[in-house]
C-alpha atoms as a PDB file:
ATOM      1  CA  MET A   1       3.501  43.583  16.032  1.00  0.00           C
ATOM      2  CA  ALA A   2       5.426  43.063  12.780  1.00  0.00           C
ATOM      3  CA  LYS A   3       5.426  46.820  12.138  1.00  0.00           C
ATOM      4  CA  TYR A   4       6.754  47.514  15.619  1.00  0.00           C
ATOM      5  CA  HIS A   5       9.453  44.833  15.291  1.00  0.00           C
ATOM      6  CA  PHE A   6      10.508  46.175  11.904  1.00  0.00           C
ATOM      7  CA  ALA A   7      10.594  49.796  13.035  1.00  0.00           C
ATOM      8  CA  SER A   8      12.542  49.031  16.187  1.00  0.00           C
ATOM      9  CA  ASN A   9      15.069  46.623  14.659  1.00  0.00           C
ATOM     10  CA  PHE A  10      15.473  47.673  11.043  1.00  0.00           C
ATOM     11  CA  HIS A  11      18.467  49.973  11.427  1.00  0.00           C
ATOM     12  CA  ASN A  12      20.245  47.493  13.656  1.00  0.00           C
ATOM     13  CA  ALA A  13      19.735  44.729  11.081  1.00  0.00           C
ATOM     14  CA  VAL A  14      21.200  46.940   8.351  1.00  0.00           C
ATOM     15  CA  LYS A  15      24.100  47.843  10.651  1.00  0.00           C
ATOM     16  CA  ILE A  16      24.846  44.164  11.335  1.00  0.00           C
ATOM     17  CA  VAL A  17      24.807  43.259   7.630  1.00  0.00           C
ATOM     18  CA  GLN A  18      27.114  46.176   6.847  1.00  0.00           C
ATOM     19  CA  ASP A  19      29.402  45.427   9.772  1.00  0.00           C
ATOM     20  CA  LEU A  20      29.831  41.859   8.545  1.00  0.00           C
ATOM     21  CA  ALA A  21      30.397  42.936   4.947  1.00  0.00           C
ATOM     22  CA  GLU A  22      32.560  45.880   6.078  1.00  0.00           C
ATOM     23  CA  GLY A  23      33.210  49.078   4.124  1.00  0.00           C
ATOM     24  CA  ILE A  24      33.639  47.203   0.880  1.00  0.00           C
ATOM     25  CA  VAL A  25      29.871  47.515   0.449  1.00  0.00           C
ATOM     26  CA  VAL A  26      30.470  51.200  -0.265  1.00  0.00           C
ATOM     27  CA  THR A  27      34.027  51.218  -1.590  1.00  0.00           C
ATOM     28  CA  GLY A  28      34.235  47.929  -3.480  1.00  0.00           C
ATOM     29  CA  PRO A  29      35.163  47.837  -7.143  1.00  0.00           C
ATOM     30  CA  THR A  30      32.563  47.603  -9.866  1.00  0.00           C
ATOM     31  CA  TYR A  31      32.315  44.739 -12.339  1.00  0.00           C
ATOM     32  CA  LYS A  32      33.823  47.090 -14.932  1.00  0.00           C
ATOM     33  CA  ASP A  33      36.799  47.588 -12.580  1.00  0.00           C
ATOM     34  CA  PHE A  34      37.138  43.836 -12.133  1.00  0.00           C
ATOM     35  CA  LYS A  35      37.204  43.285 -15.891  1.00  0.00           C
ATOM     36  CA  ASN A  36      39.871  45.955 -16.392  1.00  0.00           C
ATOM     37  CA  PRO A  37      43.109  44.046 -17.198  1.00  0.00           C
ATOM     38  CA  GLU A  38      45.212  46.631 -15.345  1.00  0.00           C
ATOM     39  CA  LEU A  39      43.151  46.429 -12.151  1.00  0.00           C
ATOM     40  CA  GLN A  40      42.170  42.767 -12.057  1.00  0.00           C
ATOM     41  CA  PRO A  41      45.493  41.439 -10.673  1.00  0.00           C
ATOM     42  CA  TYR A  42      45.281  43.913  -7.767  1.00  0.00           C
ATOM     43  CA  ILE A  43      41.640  43.142  -7.125  1.00  0.00           C
ATOM     44  CA  ASN A  44      42.392  39.414  -7.092  1.00  0.00           C
ATOM     45  CA  LYS A  45      45.362  39.928  -4.775  1.00  0.00           C
ATOM     46  CA  TYR A  46      43.744  42.252  -2.245  1.00  0.00           C
ATOM     47  CA  LEU A  47      40.086  41.233  -2.392  1.00  0.00           C
ATOM     48  CA  GLY A  48      40.387  37.518  -2.968  1.00  0.00           C
ATOM     49  CA  GLY A  49      38.949  35.268  -0.319  1.00  0.00           C
ATOM     50  CA  LYS A  50      39.364  31.638   0.589  1.00  0.00           C
ATOM     51  CA  HIS A  51      41.518  29.512  -1.729  1.00  0.00           C
ATOM     52  CA  GLY A  52      39.374  27.886  -4.390  1.00  0.00           C
ATOM     53  CA  ILE A  53      36.683  30.576  -4.299  1.00  0.00           C
ATOM     54  CA  PRO A  54      36.998  32.972  -7.241  1.00  0.00           C
ATOM     55  CA  THR A  55      37.325  36.654  -6.365  1.00  0.00           C
ATOM     56  CA  GLU A  56      34.523  37.329  -8.812  1.00  0.00           C
ATOM     57  CA  HIS A  57      32.135  35.236  -6.696  1.00  0.00           C
ATOM     58  CA  ARG A  58      33.053  37.233  -3.593  1.00  0.00           C
ATOM     59  CA  LEU A  59      32.543  40.507  -5.460  1.00  0.00           C
ATOM     60  CA  ARG A  60      29.173  39.289  -6.739  1.00  0.00           C
ATOM     61  CA  MET A  61      28.049  38.629  -3.146  1.00  0.00           C
ATOM     62  CA  ILE A  62      29.234  42.080  -2.112  1.00  0.00           C
ATOM     63  CA  GLN A  63      27.286  43.574  -5.018  1.00  0.00           C
ATOM     64  CA  LEU A  64      24.207  41.612  -3.956  1.00  0.00           C
ATOM     65  CA  ILE A  65      24.486  43.077  -0.443  1.00  0.00           C
ATOM     66  CA  ARG A  66      25.052  46.580  -1.875  1.00  0.00           C
ATOM     67  CA  ASN A  67      22.020  46.331  -4.156  1.00  0.00           C
ATOM     68  CA  TRP A  68      19.855  44.744  -1.458  1.00  0.00           C
ATOM     69  CA  LEU A  69      20.671  47.413   1.092  1.00  0.00           C
ATOM     70  CA  ALA A  70      20.461  50.322  -1.342  1.00  0.00           C
ATOM     71  CA  SER A  71      17.238  49.307  -3.037  1.00  0.00           C
ATOM     72  CA  ASP A  72      15.256  47.670  -0.242  1.00  0.00           C
ATOM     73  CA  PHE A  73      16.452  49.472   2.858  1.00  0.00           C
ATOM     74  CA  GLY A  74      16.441  53.222   2.580  1.00  0.00           C
ATOM     75  CA  GLY A  75      18.841  53.725  -0.295  1.00  0.00           C
ATOM     76  CA  TRP A  76      22.436  54.852  -0.168  1.00  0.00           C
ATOM     77  CA  SER A  77      21.876  57.149   2.788  1.00  0.00           C
ATOM     78  CA  GLU A  78      21.284  54.086   4.958  1.00  0.00           C
ATOM     79  CA  ILE A  79      24.534  52.489   3.790  1.00  0.00           C
ATOM     80  CA  LEU A  80      26.582  55.661   4.080  1.00  0.00           C
ATOM     81  CA  ALA A  81      25.240  56.379   7.560  1.00  0.00           C
ATOM     82  CA  VAL A  82      27.073  53.309   8.837  1.00  0.00           C
ATOM     83  CA  HIS A  83      30.206  53.296   6.661  1.00  0.00           C
ATOM     84  CA  GLY A  84      30.561  56.876   5.495  1.00  0.00           C
ATOM     85  CA  GLU A  85      33.352  57.458   8.003  1.00  0.00           C
ATOM     86  CA  GLY A  86      34.797  53.950   8.128  1.00  0.00           C
ATOM     87  CA  SER A  87      33.715  50.849   9.979  1.00  0.00           C
ATOM     88  CA  LEU A  88      32.524  50.957  13.572  1.00  0.00           C
ATOM     89  CA  GLN A  89      35.632  49.055  14.646  1.00  0.00           C
ATOM     90  CA  ALA A  90      37.875  51.662  12.991  1.00  0.00           C
ATOM     91  CA  GLN A  91      35.945  54.412  14.773  1.00  0.00           C
ATOM     92  CA  ARG A  92      36.347  52.626  18.121  1.00  0.00           C
ATOM     93  CA  MET A  93      40.090  52.345  17.562  1.00  0.00           C
ATOM     94  CA  VAL A  94      40.381  56.100  16.907  1.00  0.00           C
ATOM     95  CA  ILE A  95      38.277  56.918  19.977  1.00  0.00           C
ATOM     96  CA  TYR A  96      40.430  54.698  22.209  1.00  0.00           C
ATOM     97  CA  HIS A  97      43.632  56.120  20.740  1.00  0.00           C
ATOM     98  CA  GLU A  98      42.497  59.709  21.303  1.00  0.00           C
ATOM     99  CA  ALA A  99      41.199  58.930  24.787  1.00  0.00           C
ATOM    100  CA  LEU A 100      44.449  57.307  25.882  1.00  0.00           C
ATOM    101  CA  LYS A 101      46.493  60.147  24.399  1.00  0.00           C
ATOM    102  CA  ASN A 102      44.482  62.735  26.375  1.00  0.00           C
ATOM    103  CA  LEU A 103      43.498  60.691  29.410  1.00  0.00           C
ATOM    104  CA  GLU A 104      45.080  62.996  32.016  1.00  0.00           C
ATOM    105  CA  ASN A 105      43.433  66.025  30.429  1.00  0.00           C
ATOM    106  CA  TYR A 106      40.040  64.293  30.514  1.00  0.00           C
ATOM    107  CA  LYS A 107      40.552  63.396  34.172  1.00  0.00           C
ATOM    108  CA  LYS A 108      41.346  67.038  35.023  1.00  0.00           C
ATOM    109  CA  LYS A 109      38.234  68.254  33.187  1.00  0.00           C
ATOM    110  CA  ALA A 110      36.023  65.683  34.909  1.00  0.00           C
ATOM    111  CA  LYS A 111      37.371  66.673  38.336  1.00  0.00           C
ATOM    112  CA  LYS A 112      36.852  70.373  37.564  1.00  0.00           C
ATOM    113  CA  MET A 113      33.275  69.729  36.395  1.00  0.00           C
ATOM    114  CA  ALA A 114      32.606  67.715  39.559  1.00  0.00           C
ATOM    115  CA  GLY A 115      34.068  70.452  41.737  1.00  0.00           C
ATOM    116  CA  ILE A 116      36.962  68.307  42.937  1.00  0.00           C
ATOM    117  CA  PRO A 117      40.121  70.365  43.651  1.00  0.00           C
ATOM    118  CA  GLU A 118      43.404  69.437  42.010  1.00  0.00           C
END
């Protein structure tokens, strides 16, 4: 039963973790980047979290997620499969934008495929 549960839910669990952590799991700065005096002010400004929580702590949690997913759950291919092209929400936004832009064309094609005259 455990094997079945794992096999049927594993990818969804990875997807949920990545969706919560967002694309920063793949694109986040390294510790070396964070320690770079030229980059650190930007990293603090744009990747800082809640007031009173150091940016470094947030980046350490992101690194933990990155390492956990990459080492325990199928390697980088598993991570990139979800965020290689941006987050799922970003993909949904593009799909909706394209669909609304071409909605009349899609309606015409659907009617033609269904055999409905113009």
